[in-house]
Amino acid sequence: MKKMLPLFGAALLVSFAAASPAQAQAADMTFFLTSAGPGDGANLGGLEGADAHCQSLAAAVGAGDKMWRAYLSTTGEGGVNARDRIGAGPWQNAAGVVVARDLDVLHYENNLTKETVLNEQGGMTNGRGDTPNQHDILTGSYLDGTAVDGDGDTTCGNWMSNADGEGSAMVGHFDRTGGGANPNSWNSAHGSRGCSQANLQATGGNGYFYCFAAN
C-alpha cells in the first residue's frame, strides 16, 4: 500500500500537467459557438439570459474572467445591434486560431469556417451533411451585424419566445453552406420556421448562438 501512494501521487501530477496546456488555451479564448442552447427553443431569457449562458459555458472551461456577450440583435424600442455588443476584437477560438481581428473583418473578410467555429470545449459542431444538421445559428441580424428591420419577427420576440410555428429568428450558417437568401453567410442566411426547439431543429438548427468576449 505504501508503494502505491507515491505512484498514485505521480499519476495525479502527470494528469494535472497534461491538463494545463488545454486550460491555458481555453483561458485565452475570446470566441466560441455554444455547445448547447438553453433548451427552450429561441427563448433564451432575452439578451440577459443569453449573455449569462455564454458566461456560464465559458466559466466551465476556465474562461469566465472575461465579459462574454451573445452575438444577438434585438428590435423595437431599445433594440440593439449584435455588432455593438461584442467589443472591438481581435477574437480567437479555443484552439488559438484568430477568426477576426476587428468588426469590419468579422463581418466581411473573416476566418469563420466549419473547422474554426469551435465550441467552448474546443469541439466541432454538426454542419450541413452531418446527422443531425445543426448549422443554423441564432443571430437576428443582417450581414453587417445590425438588427433586421421591418414588420416581421426576426428575433423570436427578442429571444423571449418559444412559440411553435409562430414568429421567426434570422439565422446564419456557421459552416458557410446551405439554403436561403445568403446561404454562405455565418450570420444572416434565412429565417427559422418558428421559435420552438422543434421548429429550430426542423430548419437545421438546435438553438445555438455565438459568444464573444467583449473585453
N, C-alpha and C. Protein backbone atom coordinates (compact mmCIF):
# COMPACT_ATOMS: atom_id res chain seq x y z
N MET A 1 0.83 -1.20 0.00
CA MET A 1 0.00 0.00 0.00
C MET A 1 0.87 1.26 0.00
N LYS A 2 1.98 1.22 0.80
CA LYS A 2 2.85 2.38 0.87
C LYS A 2 3.49 2.68 -0.47
N LYS A 3 3.78 1.59 -1.24
CA LYS A 3 4.39 1.78 -2.54
C LYS A 3 3.40 2.37 -3.55
N MET A 4 2.12 2.09 -3.34
CA MET A 4 1.10 2.55 -4.27
C MET A 4 0.87 4.05 -4.18
N LEU A 5 1.01 4.62 -2.96
CA LEU A 5 0.71 6.03 -2.75
C LEU A 5 1.60 6.95 -3.58
N PRO A 6 2.93 6.75 -3.59
CA PRO A 6 3.75 7.61 -4.44
C PRO A 6 3.39 7.50 -5.91
N LEU A 7 3.07 6.28 -6.37
CA LEU A 7 2.68 6.09 -7.76
C LEU A 7 1.40 6.84 -8.08
N PHE A 8 0.43 6.79 -7.13
CA PHE A 8 -0.84 7.49 -7.31
C PHE A 8 -0.62 8.99 -7.38
N GLY A 9 0.29 9.50 -6.49
CA GLY A 9 0.59 10.93 -6.49
C GLY A 9 1.25 11.36 -7.77
N ALA A 10 2.16 10.52 -8.27
CA ALA A 10 2.83 10.84 -9.54
C ALA A 10 1.85 10.88 -10.69
N ALA A 11 0.88 9.95 -10.68
CA ALA A 11 -0.13 9.92 -11.74
C ALA A 11 -0.97 11.18 -11.72
N LEU A 12 -1.29 11.65 -10.52
CA LEU A 12 -2.07 12.88 -10.41
C LEU A 12 -1.29 14.05 -10.98
N LEU A 13 0.01 14.13 -10.67
CA LEU A 13 0.83 15.23 -11.17
C LEU A 13 0.90 15.21 -12.69
N VAL A 14 1.06 14.02 -13.27
CA VAL A 14 1.09 13.89 -14.72
C VAL A 14 -0.24 14.33 -15.32
N SER A 15 -1.34 13.95 -14.67
CA SER A 15 -2.68 14.31 -15.14
C SER A 15 -2.86 15.82 -15.14
N PHE A 16 -2.47 16.48 -14.05
CA PHE A 16 -2.61 17.93 -13.95
C PHE A 16 -1.72 18.63 -14.98
N ALA A 17 -0.51 18.10 -15.17
CA ALA A 17 0.41 18.71 -16.13
C ALA A 17 -0.15 18.61 -17.54
N ALA A 18 -0.78 17.46 -17.84
CA ALA A 18 -1.35 17.28 -19.18
C ALA A 18 -2.52 18.19 -19.42
N ALA A 19 -3.27 18.50 -18.35
CA ALA A 19 -4.47 19.33 -18.49
C ALA A 19 -4.13 20.80 -18.60
N SER A 20 -2.95 21.20 -18.09
CA SER A 20 -2.62 22.62 -18.01
C SER A 20 -2.61 23.34 -19.35
N PRO A 21 -1.98 22.78 -20.41
CA PRO A 21 -1.98 23.49 -21.69
C PRO A 21 -3.38 23.75 -22.23
N ALA A 22 -4.27 22.76 -22.11
CA ALA A 22 -5.64 22.93 -22.60
C ALA A 22 -6.36 24.01 -21.81
N GLN A 23 -6.15 24.01 -20.50
CA GLN A 23 -6.79 25.03 -19.67
C GLN A 23 -6.28 26.42 -20.01
N ALA A 24 -4.96 26.50 -20.24
CA ALA A 24 -4.38 27.80 -20.59
C ALA A 24 -4.92 28.29 -21.92
N GLN A 25 -5.09 27.37 -22.87
CA GLN A 25 -5.62 27.73 -24.18
C GLN A 25 -7.05 28.23 -24.06
N ALA A 26 -7.87 27.54 -23.25
CA ALA A 26 -9.25 27.96 -23.06
C ALA A 26 -9.31 29.33 -22.41
N ALA A 27 -8.37 29.61 -21.53
CA ALA A 27 -8.35 30.91 -20.85
C ALA A 27 -8.10 32.05 -21.83
N ASP A 28 -7.40 31.76 -22.94
CA ASP A 28 -7.11 32.78 -23.94
C ASP A 28 -8.21 32.91 -25.00
N MET A 29 -9.18 32.01 -24.97
CA MET A 29 -10.28 32.01 -25.94
C MET A 29 -11.12 33.29 -25.81
N THR A 30 -11.48 33.86 -26.96
CA THR A 30 -12.33 35.06 -26.93
C THR A 30 -13.54 34.94 -27.85
N PHE A 31 -13.75 33.74 -28.38
CA PHE A 31 -14.89 33.49 -29.27
C PHE A 31 -15.23 32.01 -29.23
N PHE A 32 -16.51 31.71 -29.20
CA PHE A 32 -16.93 30.31 -29.33
C PHE A 32 -18.40 30.23 -29.75
N LEU A 33 -18.75 29.07 -30.28
CA LEU A 33 -20.14 28.73 -30.56
C LEU A 33 -20.63 27.89 -29.39
N THR A 34 -21.80 28.17 -28.88
CA THR A 34 -22.29 27.43 -27.72
C THR A 34 -22.37 25.94 -28.03
N SER A 35 -21.96 25.12 -27.08
CA SER A 35 -22.03 23.67 -27.25
C SER A 35 -23.44 23.17 -27.00
N ALA A 36 -24.27 24.00 -26.37
CA ALA A 36 -25.67 23.66 -26.09
C ALA A 36 -26.45 24.96 -25.93
N GLY A 37 -27.71 24.94 -26.34
CA GLY A 37 -28.58 26.08 -26.07
C GLY A 37 -29.27 25.85 -24.74
N PRO A 38 -30.01 26.83 -24.26
CA PRO A 38 -30.75 26.64 -23.02
C PRO A 38 -31.80 25.54 -23.10
N GLY A 39 -32.16 25.12 -24.33
CA GLY A 39 -33.08 24.00 -24.49
C GLY A 39 -34.54 24.38 -24.55
N ASP A 40 -34.82 25.67 -24.67
CA ASP A 40 -36.21 26.14 -24.72
C ASP A 40 -36.45 26.87 -26.04
N GLY A 41 -35.94 26.31 -27.12
CA GLY A 41 -36.08 26.95 -28.41
C GLY A 41 -35.34 28.26 -28.44
N ALA A 42 -35.96 29.28 -29.04
CA ALA A 42 -35.34 30.60 -29.13
C ALA A 42 -35.65 31.47 -27.92
N ASN A 43 -36.29 30.91 -26.92
CA ASN A 43 -36.48 31.62 -25.66
C ASN A 43 -35.20 31.48 -24.85
N LEU A 44 -34.37 32.49 -24.95
CA LEU A 44 -33.07 32.48 -24.29
C LEU A 44 -33.07 33.29 -22.99
N GLY A 45 -34.25 33.80 -22.63
CA GLY A 45 -34.32 34.70 -21.49
C GLY A 45 -33.87 36.10 -21.86
N GLY A 46 -34.09 36.46 -23.15
CA GLY A 46 -33.66 37.77 -23.62
C GLY A 46 -32.15 37.83 -23.73
N LEU A 47 -31.64 39.02 -23.99
CA LEU A 47 -30.19 39.19 -24.09
C LEU A 47 -29.50 38.87 -22.77
N GLU A 48 -30.14 39.22 -21.67
CA GLU A 48 -29.55 38.95 -20.36
C GLU A 48 -29.35 37.46 -20.15
N GLY A 49 -30.36 36.69 -20.50
CA GLY A 49 -30.26 35.24 -20.35
C GLY A 49 -29.22 34.64 -21.28
N ALA A 50 -29.17 35.15 -22.51
CA ALA A 50 -28.20 34.64 -23.48
C ALA A 50 -26.77 34.95 -23.04
N ASP A 51 -26.56 36.18 -22.55
CA ASP A 51 -25.23 36.54 -22.05
C ASP A 51 -24.82 35.66 -20.88
N ALA A 52 -25.78 35.39 -20.00
CA ALA A 52 -25.50 34.55 -18.83
C ALA A 52 -25.13 33.13 -19.26
N HIS A 53 -25.76 32.65 -20.33
CA HIS A 53 -25.46 31.32 -20.84
C HIS A 53 -24.03 31.29 -21.39
N CYS A 54 -23.65 32.32 -22.13
CA CYS A 54 -22.27 32.43 -22.62
C CYS A 54 -21.29 32.42 -21.44
N GLN A 55 -21.60 33.22 -20.44
CA GLN A 55 -20.71 33.35 -19.28
C GLN A 55 -20.55 32.03 -18.56
N SER A 56 -21.65 31.30 -18.41
CA SER A 56 -21.63 30.02 -17.70
C SER A 56 -20.80 28.98 -18.46
N LEU A 57 -20.99 28.90 -19.77
CA LEU A 57 -20.23 27.94 -20.57
C LEU A 57 -18.74 28.27 -20.55
N ALA A 58 -18.42 29.56 -20.64
CA ALA A 58 -17.02 29.98 -20.61
C ALA A 58 -16.39 29.67 -19.25
N ALA A 59 -17.12 29.93 -18.18
CA ALA A 59 -16.60 29.68 -16.84
C ALA A 59 -16.29 28.19 -16.63
N ALA A 60 -17.09 27.34 -17.23
CA ALA A 60 -16.92 25.90 -17.06
C ALA A 60 -15.60 25.39 -17.66
N VAL A 61 -15.00 26.17 -18.57
CA VAL A 61 -13.73 25.75 -19.17
C VAL A 61 -12.58 26.69 -18.78
N GLY A 62 -12.80 27.50 -17.74
CA GLY A 62 -11.73 28.34 -17.23
C GLY A 62 -11.58 29.68 -17.90
N ALA A 63 -12.61 30.14 -18.62
CA ALA A 63 -12.53 31.44 -19.31
C ALA A 63 -13.59 32.40 -18.80
N GLY A 64 -14.01 32.22 -17.57
CA GLY A 64 -15.10 33.04 -17.02
C GLY A 64 -14.69 34.41 -16.54
N ASP A 65 -13.38 34.75 -16.61
CA ASP A 65 -12.94 36.05 -16.15
C ASP A 65 -13.20 37.15 -17.16
N LYS A 66 -13.62 36.77 -18.37
CA LYS A 66 -13.94 37.77 -19.40
C LYS A 66 -15.42 38.12 -19.37
N MET A 67 -15.77 39.26 -19.98
CA MET A 67 -17.17 39.67 -20.09
C MET A 67 -17.71 39.13 -21.40
N TRP A 68 -18.48 38.05 -21.33
CA TRP A 68 -18.98 37.38 -22.52
C TRP A 68 -20.34 37.93 -22.94
N ARG A 69 -20.50 38.10 -24.25
CA ARG A 69 -21.74 38.63 -24.80
C ARG A 69 -22.21 37.76 -25.96
N ALA A 70 -23.50 37.52 -26.02
CA ALA A 70 -24.09 36.75 -27.12
C ALA A 70 -24.18 37.64 -28.36
N TYR A 71 -23.87 37.08 -29.51
CA TYR A 71 -23.99 37.81 -30.77
C TYR A 71 -25.45 37.72 -31.22
N LEU A 72 -26.27 38.64 -30.70
CA LEU A 72 -27.70 38.66 -30.98
C LEU A 72 -28.17 40.09 -31.09
N SER A 73 -29.01 40.37 -32.07
CA SER A 73 -29.65 41.68 -32.20
C SER A 73 -31.06 41.61 -31.63
N THR A 74 -31.59 42.75 -31.24
CA THR A 74 -33.00 42.86 -30.84
C THR A 74 -33.63 44.03 -31.58
N THR A 75 -34.95 44.04 -31.64
CA THR A 75 -35.66 45.06 -32.40
C THR A 75 -36.62 45.83 -31.50
N GLY A 76 -37.25 46.88 -32.08
CA GLY A 76 -38.23 47.67 -31.33
C GLY A 76 -37.55 48.70 -30.45
N GLU A 77 -38.32 49.25 -29.53
CA GLU A 77 -37.81 50.26 -28.62
C GLU A 77 -36.69 49.67 -27.76
N GLY A 78 -35.56 50.32 -27.76
CA GLY A 78 -34.42 49.80 -27.01
C GLY A 78 -33.67 48.70 -27.72
N GLY A 79 -33.98 48.46 -29.00
CA GLY A 79 -33.31 47.42 -29.77
C GLY A 79 -31.83 47.69 -29.93
N VAL A 80 -31.06 46.63 -30.08
CA VAL A 80 -29.61 46.77 -30.20
C VAL A 80 -29.10 45.93 -31.37
N ASN A 81 -27.95 46.30 -31.89
CA ASN A 81 -27.28 45.56 -32.95
C ASN A 81 -26.28 44.58 -32.35
N ALA A 82 -26.25 43.38 -32.88
CA ALA A 82 -25.31 42.38 -32.38
C ALA A 82 -23.87 42.89 -32.43
N ARG A 83 -23.52 43.57 -33.49
CA ARG A 83 -22.13 44.03 -33.66
C ARG A 83 -21.72 45.05 -32.60
N ASP A 84 -22.70 45.72 -31.99
CA ASP A 84 -22.39 46.74 -30.99
C ASP A 84 -22.22 46.15 -29.59
N ARG A 85 -22.39 44.84 -29.46
CA ARG A 85 -22.37 44.23 -28.14
C ARG A 85 -21.06 43.51 -27.81
N ILE A 86 -20.20 43.30 -28.81
CA ILE A 86 -19.15 42.30 -28.65
C ILE A 86 -17.73 42.85 -28.59
N GLY A 87 -17.58 44.14 -28.40
CA GLY A 87 -16.25 44.72 -28.31
C GLY A 87 -15.64 44.97 -29.67
N ALA A 88 -14.32 45.16 -29.68
CA ALA A 88 -13.62 45.57 -30.91
C ALA A 88 -12.72 44.49 -31.49
N GLY A 89 -12.54 43.36 -30.79
CA GLY A 89 -11.66 42.31 -31.27
C GLY A 89 -10.22 42.58 -30.87
N PRO A 90 -9.26 41.75 -31.29
CA PRO A 90 -9.46 40.56 -32.11
C PRO A 90 -10.08 39.41 -31.32
N TRP A 91 -10.54 38.37 -32.06
CA TRP A 91 -11.16 37.22 -31.42
C TRP A 91 -10.51 35.94 -31.91
N GLN A 92 -10.30 35.01 -30.98
CA GLN A 92 -9.72 33.72 -31.34
C GLN A 92 -10.50 32.59 -30.70
N ASN A 93 -10.45 31.43 -31.34
CA ASN A 93 -11.20 30.28 -30.84
C ASN A 93 -10.43 29.52 -29.76
N ALA A 94 -10.99 28.41 -29.32
CA ALA A 94 -10.38 27.64 -28.23
C ALA A 94 -9.06 27.00 -28.61
N ALA A 95 -8.78 26.93 -29.91
CA ALA A 95 -7.51 26.37 -30.38
C ALA A 95 -6.46 27.45 -30.60
N GLY A 96 -6.82 28.70 -30.34
CA GLY A 96 -5.89 29.80 -30.52
C GLY A 96 -5.86 30.38 -31.91
N VAL A 97 -6.78 29.95 -32.78
CA VAL A 97 -6.83 30.46 -34.15
C VAL A 97 -7.64 31.76 -34.19
N VAL A 98 -7.05 32.81 -34.73
CA VAL A 98 -7.74 34.10 -34.84
C VAL A 98 -8.79 34.01 -35.94
N VAL A 99 -10.05 34.33 -35.60
CA VAL A 99 -11.13 34.27 -36.58
C VAL A 99 -11.43 35.64 -37.18
N ALA A 100 -11.08 36.71 -36.47
CA ALA A 100 -11.26 38.07 -36.99
C ALA A 100 -10.49 39.04 -36.09
N ARG A 101 -9.87 40.04 -36.72
CA ARG A 101 -9.09 40.98 -35.92
C ARG A 101 -9.89 42.19 -35.46
N ASP A 102 -11.01 42.49 -36.17
CA ASP A 102 -11.84 43.61 -35.77
C ASP A 102 -13.24 43.44 -36.35
N LEU A 103 -14.12 44.38 -36.09
CA LEU A 103 -15.52 44.26 -36.51
C LEU A 103 -15.70 44.21 -38.02
N ASP A 104 -14.94 45.01 -38.75
CA ASP A 104 -15.07 45.01 -40.20
C ASP A 104 -14.63 43.68 -40.80
N VAL A 105 -13.52 43.16 -40.31
CA VAL A 105 -13.06 41.86 -40.79
C VAL A 105 -14.06 40.77 -40.42
N LEU A 106 -14.58 40.84 -39.21
CA LEU A 106 -15.55 39.85 -38.77
C LEU A 106 -16.74 39.76 -39.71
N HIS A 107 -17.21 40.89 -40.18
CA HIS A 107 -18.43 40.90 -40.98
C HIS A 107 -18.20 40.77 -42.48
N TYR A 108 -16.96 40.93 -42.92
CA TYR A 108 -16.75 40.90 -44.38
C TYR A 108 -15.61 40.00 -44.85
N GLU A 109 -14.58 39.78 -44.05
CA GLU A 109 -13.43 39.01 -44.52
C GLU A 109 -12.89 38.11 -43.41
N ASN A 110 -13.76 37.46 -42.70
CA ASN A 110 -13.35 36.69 -41.52
C ASN A 110 -12.80 35.31 -41.86
N ASN A 111 -12.35 34.64 -40.81
CA ASN A 111 -11.82 33.28 -40.92
C ASN A 111 -12.77 32.30 -40.23
N LEU A 112 -14.06 32.49 -40.42
CA LEU A 112 -15.06 31.61 -39.82
C LEU A 112 -15.40 30.49 -40.80
N THR A 113 -15.09 29.26 -40.42
CA THR A 113 -15.38 28.09 -41.22
C THR A 113 -15.88 26.99 -40.28
N LYS A 114 -16.31 25.89 -40.84
CA LYS A 114 -16.74 24.77 -40.01
C LYS A 114 -15.62 24.32 -39.07
N GLU A 115 -14.38 24.42 -39.53
CA GLU A 115 -13.23 23.97 -38.75
C GLU A 115 -12.79 24.97 -37.70
N THR A 116 -13.08 26.25 -37.89
CA THR A 116 -12.62 27.27 -36.93
C THR A 116 -13.70 27.72 -35.96
N VAL A 117 -14.97 27.49 -36.30
CA VAL A 117 -16.05 27.86 -35.38
C VAL A 117 -16.20 26.72 -34.37
N LEU A 118 -15.36 26.75 -33.35
CA LEU A 118 -15.35 25.71 -32.32
C LEU A 118 -16.23 26.11 -31.15
N ASN A 119 -16.73 25.12 -30.42
CA ASN A 119 -17.46 25.44 -29.20
C ASN A 119 -16.48 25.72 -28.07
N GLU A 120 -17.00 26.06 -26.90
CA GLU A 120 -16.13 26.46 -25.78
C GLU A 120 -15.21 25.34 -25.31
N GLN A 121 -15.56 24.11 -25.63
CA GLN A 121 -14.74 22.96 -25.25
C GLN A 121 -13.70 22.61 -26.31
N GLY A 122 -13.70 23.37 -27.41
CA GLY A 122 -12.76 23.12 -28.49
C GLY A 122 -13.27 22.11 -29.50
N GLY A 123 -14.54 21.73 -29.39
CA GLY A 123 -15.11 20.74 -30.30
C GLY A 123 -15.81 21.37 -31.48
N MET A 124 -16.01 20.55 -32.52
CA MET A 124 -16.73 20.98 -33.71
C MET A 124 -18.21 20.64 -33.59
N THR A 125 -19.03 21.32 -34.38
CA THR A 125 -20.48 21.15 -34.36
C THR A 125 -20.94 20.55 -35.69
N ASN A 126 -22.01 19.80 -35.65
CA ASN A 126 -22.56 19.23 -36.88
C ASN A 126 -22.97 20.32 -37.85
N GLY A 127 -22.53 20.18 -39.10
CA GLY A 127 -22.91 21.10 -40.15
C GLY A 127 -23.79 20.42 -41.17
N ARG A 128 -24.00 21.09 -42.28
CA ARG A 128 -24.81 20.50 -43.35
C ARG A 128 -24.13 19.23 -43.86
N GLY A 129 -24.90 18.17 -43.98
CA GLY A 129 -24.35 16.89 -44.39
C GLY A 129 -24.11 15.95 -43.23
N ASP A 130 -24.09 16.51 -42.00
CA ASP A 130 -23.97 15.69 -40.80
C ASP A 130 -25.36 15.37 -40.27
N THR A 131 -25.44 14.36 -39.42
CA THR A 131 -26.72 13.97 -38.83
C THR A 131 -26.65 14.05 -37.31
N PRO A 132 -27.50 14.89 -36.67
CA PRO A 132 -28.40 15.84 -37.34
C PRO A 132 -27.67 17.12 -37.74
N ASN A 133 -28.21 17.79 -38.74
CA ASN A 133 -27.67 19.08 -39.15
C ASN A 133 -28.01 20.13 -38.10
N GLN A 134 -26.99 20.85 -37.60
CA GLN A 134 -27.22 21.87 -36.57
C GLN A 134 -26.52 23.18 -36.94
N HIS A 135 -26.51 23.49 -38.24
CA HIS A 135 -25.70 24.63 -38.67
C HIS A 135 -26.41 25.98 -38.57
N ASP A 136 -27.71 26.02 -38.30
CA ASP A 136 -28.43 27.29 -38.16
C ASP A 136 -28.11 27.92 -36.80
N ILE A 137 -27.55 29.12 -36.82
CA ILE A 137 -27.12 29.79 -35.60
C ILE A 137 -27.93 31.07 -35.40
N LEU A 138 -28.55 31.21 -34.26
CA LEU A 138 -29.40 32.36 -33.96
C LEU A 138 -28.59 33.65 -33.96
N THR A 139 -29.09 34.67 -34.69
CA THR A 139 -28.43 35.98 -34.68
C THR A 139 -29.41 37.15 -34.71
N GLY A 140 -30.51 37.03 -35.46
CA GLY A 140 -31.43 38.16 -35.61
C GLY A 140 -30.81 39.34 -36.34
N SER A 141 -29.84 39.07 -37.20
CA SER A 141 -29.03 40.16 -37.75
C SER A 141 -28.91 40.14 -39.27
N TYR A 142 -28.63 41.33 -39.81
CA TYR A 142 -28.23 41.47 -41.20
C TYR A 142 -26.77 41.05 -41.36
N LEU A 143 -26.30 41.03 -42.60
CA LEU A 143 -24.92 40.67 -42.90
C LEU A 143 -23.91 41.54 -42.17
N ASP A 144 -24.26 42.82 -41.95
CA ASP A 144 -23.32 43.74 -41.30
C ASP A 144 -23.44 43.73 -39.78
N GLY A 145 -24.27 42.84 -39.25
CA GLY A 145 -24.39 42.74 -37.80
C GLY A 145 -25.40 43.65 -37.16
N THR A 146 -26.20 44.35 -37.98
CA THR A 146 -27.25 45.20 -37.44
C THR A 146 -28.57 44.44 -37.39
N ALA A 147 -29.48 44.92 -36.57
CA ALA A 147 -30.78 44.27 -36.40
C ALA A 147 -31.60 44.34 -37.68
N VAL A 148 -32.31 43.26 -37.96
CA VAL A 148 -33.19 43.22 -39.14
C VAL A 148 -34.42 44.06 -38.86
N ASP A 149 -34.68 45.05 -39.73
CA ASP A 149 -35.84 45.91 -39.51
C ASP A 149 -37.04 45.37 -40.27
N GLY A 150 -38.16 46.07 -40.17
CA GLY A 150 -39.38 45.63 -40.85
C GLY A 150 -40.43 45.18 -39.86
N ASP A 151 -41.56 44.70 -40.39
CA ASP A 151 -42.69 44.35 -39.53
C ASP A 151 -42.63 42.90 -39.02
N GLY A 152 -41.93 42.05 -39.72
CA GLY A 152 -41.89 40.64 -39.31
C GLY A 152 -40.98 40.40 -38.11
N ASP A 153 -41.26 39.30 -37.41
CA ASP A 153 -40.44 38.92 -36.26
C ASP A 153 -39.17 38.22 -36.74
N THR A 154 -38.03 38.75 -36.40
CA THR A 154 -36.75 38.16 -36.80
C THR A 154 -35.89 37.78 -35.60
N THR A 155 -36.45 37.93 -34.39
CA THR A 155 -35.69 37.65 -33.17
C THR A 155 -36.49 36.81 -32.18
N CYS A 156 -37.54 36.15 -32.67
CA CYS A 156 -38.41 35.36 -31.77
C CYS A 156 -38.76 36.14 -30.50
N GLY A 157 -39.39 37.29 -30.75
CA GLY A 157 -39.82 38.12 -29.62
C GLY A 157 -38.66 38.59 -28.77
N ASN A 158 -37.58 39.03 -29.46
CA ASN A 158 -36.36 39.47 -28.76
C ASN A 158 -35.86 38.40 -27.80
N TRP A 159 -35.86 37.16 -28.32
CA TRP A 159 -35.29 36.00 -27.64
C TRP A 159 -36.02 35.65 -26.35
N MET A 160 -37.37 35.87 -26.41
CA MET A 160 -38.22 35.53 -25.26
C MET A 160 -39.34 34.57 -25.66
N SER A 161 -39.33 34.09 -26.90
CA SER A 161 -40.43 33.25 -27.39
C SER A 161 -39.96 31.87 -27.80
N ASN A 162 -40.76 30.88 -27.45
CA ASN A 162 -40.54 29.51 -27.93
C ASN A 162 -41.79 29.00 -28.63
N ALA A 163 -42.55 29.94 -29.24
CA ALA A 163 -43.82 29.61 -29.88
C ALA A 163 -43.62 28.61 -31.02
N ASP A 164 -44.54 27.69 -31.13
CA ASP A 164 -44.47 26.64 -32.14
C ASP A 164 -45.14 27.13 -33.42
N GLY A 165 -44.37 27.35 -34.47
CA GLY A 165 -44.92 27.78 -35.75
C GLY A 165 -45.30 29.25 -35.79
N GLU A 166 -44.89 30.01 -34.80
CA GLU A 166 -45.20 31.44 -34.75
C GLU A 166 -43.92 32.22 -34.50
N GLY A 167 -43.75 33.29 -35.27
CA GLY A 167 -42.52 34.07 -35.15
C GLY A 167 -41.38 33.39 -35.89
N SER A 168 -40.22 34.04 -35.88
CA SER A 168 -39.06 33.52 -36.59
C SER A 168 -37.81 34.19 -36.06
N ALA A 169 -36.68 33.57 -36.34
CA ALA A 169 -35.38 34.15 -35.99
C ALA A 169 -34.48 34.10 -37.21
N MET A 170 -33.82 35.21 -37.49
CA MET A 170 -32.80 35.19 -38.53
C MET A 170 -31.62 34.36 -38.02
N VAL A 171 -31.16 33.45 -38.88
CA VAL A 171 -30.04 32.59 -38.51
C VAL A 171 -28.94 32.67 -39.55
N GLY A 172 -27.73 32.32 -39.15
CA GLY A 172 -26.62 32.20 -40.06
C GLY A 172 -26.16 30.76 -40.12
N HIS A 173 -25.28 30.46 -41.08
CA HIS A 173 -24.73 29.11 -41.23
C HIS A 173 -23.25 29.13 -40.82
N PHE A 174 -22.93 28.54 -39.70
CA PHE A 174 -21.54 28.59 -39.25
C PHE A 174 -20.60 27.85 -40.20
N ASP A 175 -21.15 26.89 -40.97
CA ASP A 175 -20.33 26.13 -41.91
C ASP A 175 -20.32 26.74 -43.31
N ARG A 176 -20.98 27.88 -43.45
CA ARG A 176 -20.95 28.71 -44.66
C ARG A 176 -21.51 28.00 -45.89
N THR A 177 -22.53 27.18 -45.68
CA THR A 177 -23.18 26.50 -46.79
C THR A 177 -24.62 26.18 -46.44
N GLY A 178 -25.47 26.05 -47.47
CA GLY A 178 -26.87 25.72 -47.21
C GLY A 178 -27.80 26.47 -48.13
N GLY A 179 -29.03 26.73 -47.63
CA GLY A 179 -30.02 27.43 -48.42
C GLY A 179 -30.29 28.81 -47.88
N GLY A 180 -31.33 29.45 -48.45
CA GLY A 180 -31.70 30.78 -48.01
C GLY A 180 -31.17 31.86 -48.93
N ALA A 181 -31.48 33.11 -48.59
CA ALA A 181 -31.07 34.24 -49.42
C ALA A 181 -29.55 34.41 -49.44
N ASN A 182 -28.90 34.09 -48.33
CA ASN A 182 -27.45 34.22 -48.22
C ASN A 182 -26.88 32.92 -47.64
N PRO A 183 -26.86 31.86 -48.42
CA PRO A 183 -26.50 30.54 -47.89
C PRO A 183 -25.10 30.44 -47.31
N ASN A 184 -24.18 31.28 -47.77
CA ASN A 184 -22.80 31.22 -47.28
C ASN A 184 -22.53 32.14 -46.10
N SER A 185 -23.58 32.78 -45.61
CA SER A 185 -23.40 33.75 -44.53
C SER A 185 -23.38 33.08 -43.16
N TRP A 186 -22.45 33.48 -42.34
CA TRP A 186 -22.35 32.95 -40.97
C TRP A 186 -23.38 33.57 -40.04
N ASN A 187 -23.96 34.73 -40.45
CA ASN A 187 -24.85 35.43 -39.52
C ASN A 187 -26.20 35.85 -40.08
N SER A 188 -26.46 35.64 -41.38
CA SER A 188 -27.70 36.14 -41.96
C SER A 188 -28.10 35.34 -43.19
N ALA A 189 -28.41 34.07 -43.01
CA ALA A 189 -28.74 33.20 -44.14
C ALA A 189 -30.22 33.18 -44.46
N HIS A 190 -31.07 32.98 -43.44
CA HIS A 190 -32.52 32.87 -43.65
C HIS A 190 -33.23 32.89 -42.30
N GLY A 191 -34.56 32.93 -42.34
CA GLY A 191 -35.34 32.88 -41.12
C GLY A 191 -35.66 31.45 -40.72
N SER A 192 -35.85 31.22 -39.43
CA SER A 192 -36.22 29.89 -38.95
C SER A 192 -37.71 29.65 -39.20
N ARG A 193 -38.12 28.40 -39.13
CA ARG A 193 -39.52 28.04 -39.35
C ARG A 193 -40.40 28.56 -38.23
N GLY A 194 -39.89 28.65 -37.05
CA GLY A 194 -40.61 29.14 -35.89
C GLY A 194 -39.64 29.31 -34.74
N CYS A 195 -40.15 29.32 -33.52
CA CYS A 195 -39.30 29.64 -32.38
C CYS A 195 -39.16 28.51 -31.36
N SER A 196 -39.92 27.43 -31.53
CA SER A 196 -39.80 26.31 -30.60
C SER A 196 -38.54 25.50 -30.91
N GLN A 197 -38.14 24.65 -29.98
CA GLN A 197 -36.97 23.80 -30.22
C GLN A 197 -37.19 22.92 -31.44
N ALA A 198 -38.40 22.39 -31.58
CA ALA A 198 -38.72 21.54 -32.73
C ALA A 198 -38.64 22.33 -34.03
N ASN A 199 -39.11 23.59 -34.01
CA ASN A 199 -39.03 24.44 -35.20
C ASN A 199 -37.58 24.71 -35.59
N LEU A 200 -36.75 25.02 -34.61
CA LEU A 200 -35.35 25.31 -34.89
C LEU A 200 -34.65 24.08 -35.46
N GLN A 201 -34.95 22.92 -34.92
CA GLN A 201 -34.33 21.68 -35.40
C GLN A 201 -34.82 21.33 -36.80
N ALA A 202 -36.08 21.65 -37.08
CA ALA A 202 -36.65 21.31 -38.39
C ALA A 202 -35.98 22.07 -39.52
N THR A 203 -35.45 23.25 -39.23
CA THR A 203 -34.78 24.03 -40.27
C THR A 203 -33.27 23.91 -40.20
N GLY A 204 -32.76 22.97 -39.41
CA GLY A 204 -31.32 22.71 -39.40
C GLY A 204 -30.55 23.39 -38.28
N GLY A 205 -31.20 23.59 -37.14
CA GLY A 205 -30.51 24.21 -36.01
C GLY A 205 -30.75 23.47 -34.71
N ASN A 206 -30.29 24.07 -33.62
CA ASN A 206 -30.52 23.47 -32.31
C ASN A 206 -30.51 24.52 -31.20
N GLY A 207 -30.73 25.77 -31.58
CA GLY A 207 -30.75 26.83 -30.57
C GLY A 207 -29.38 27.32 -30.15
N TYR A 208 -28.35 27.09 -31.00
CA TYR A 208 -27.00 27.56 -30.68
C TYR A 208 -26.84 29.03 -31.08
N PHE A 209 -25.87 29.70 -30.44
CA PHE A 209 -25.53 31.08 -30.83
C PHE A 209 -24.06 31.34 -30.54
N TYR A 210 -23.55 32.43 -31.12
CA TYR A 210 -22.15 32.79 -30.96
C TYR A 210 -21.94 33.60 -29.70
N CYS A 211 -20.78 33.40 -29.06
CA CYS A 211 -20.40 34.17 -27.89
C CYS A 211 -19.04 34.82 -28.14
N PHE A 212 -18.94 36.10 -27.79
CA PHE A 212 -17.70 36.85 -27.96
C PHE A 212 -17.28 37.50 -26.63
N ALA A 213 -16.01 37.55 -26.39
CA ALA A 213 -15.51 38.30 -25.23
C ALA A 213 -15.46 39.77 -25.62
N ALA A 214 -16.22 40.58 -24.89
CA ALA A 214 -16.33 41.99 -25.23
C ALA A 214 -15.21 42.84 -24.64
N ASN A 215 -14.39 42.24 -23.83
CA ASN A 215 -13.27 42.98 -23.23
C ASN A 215 -11.97 42.27 -23.52
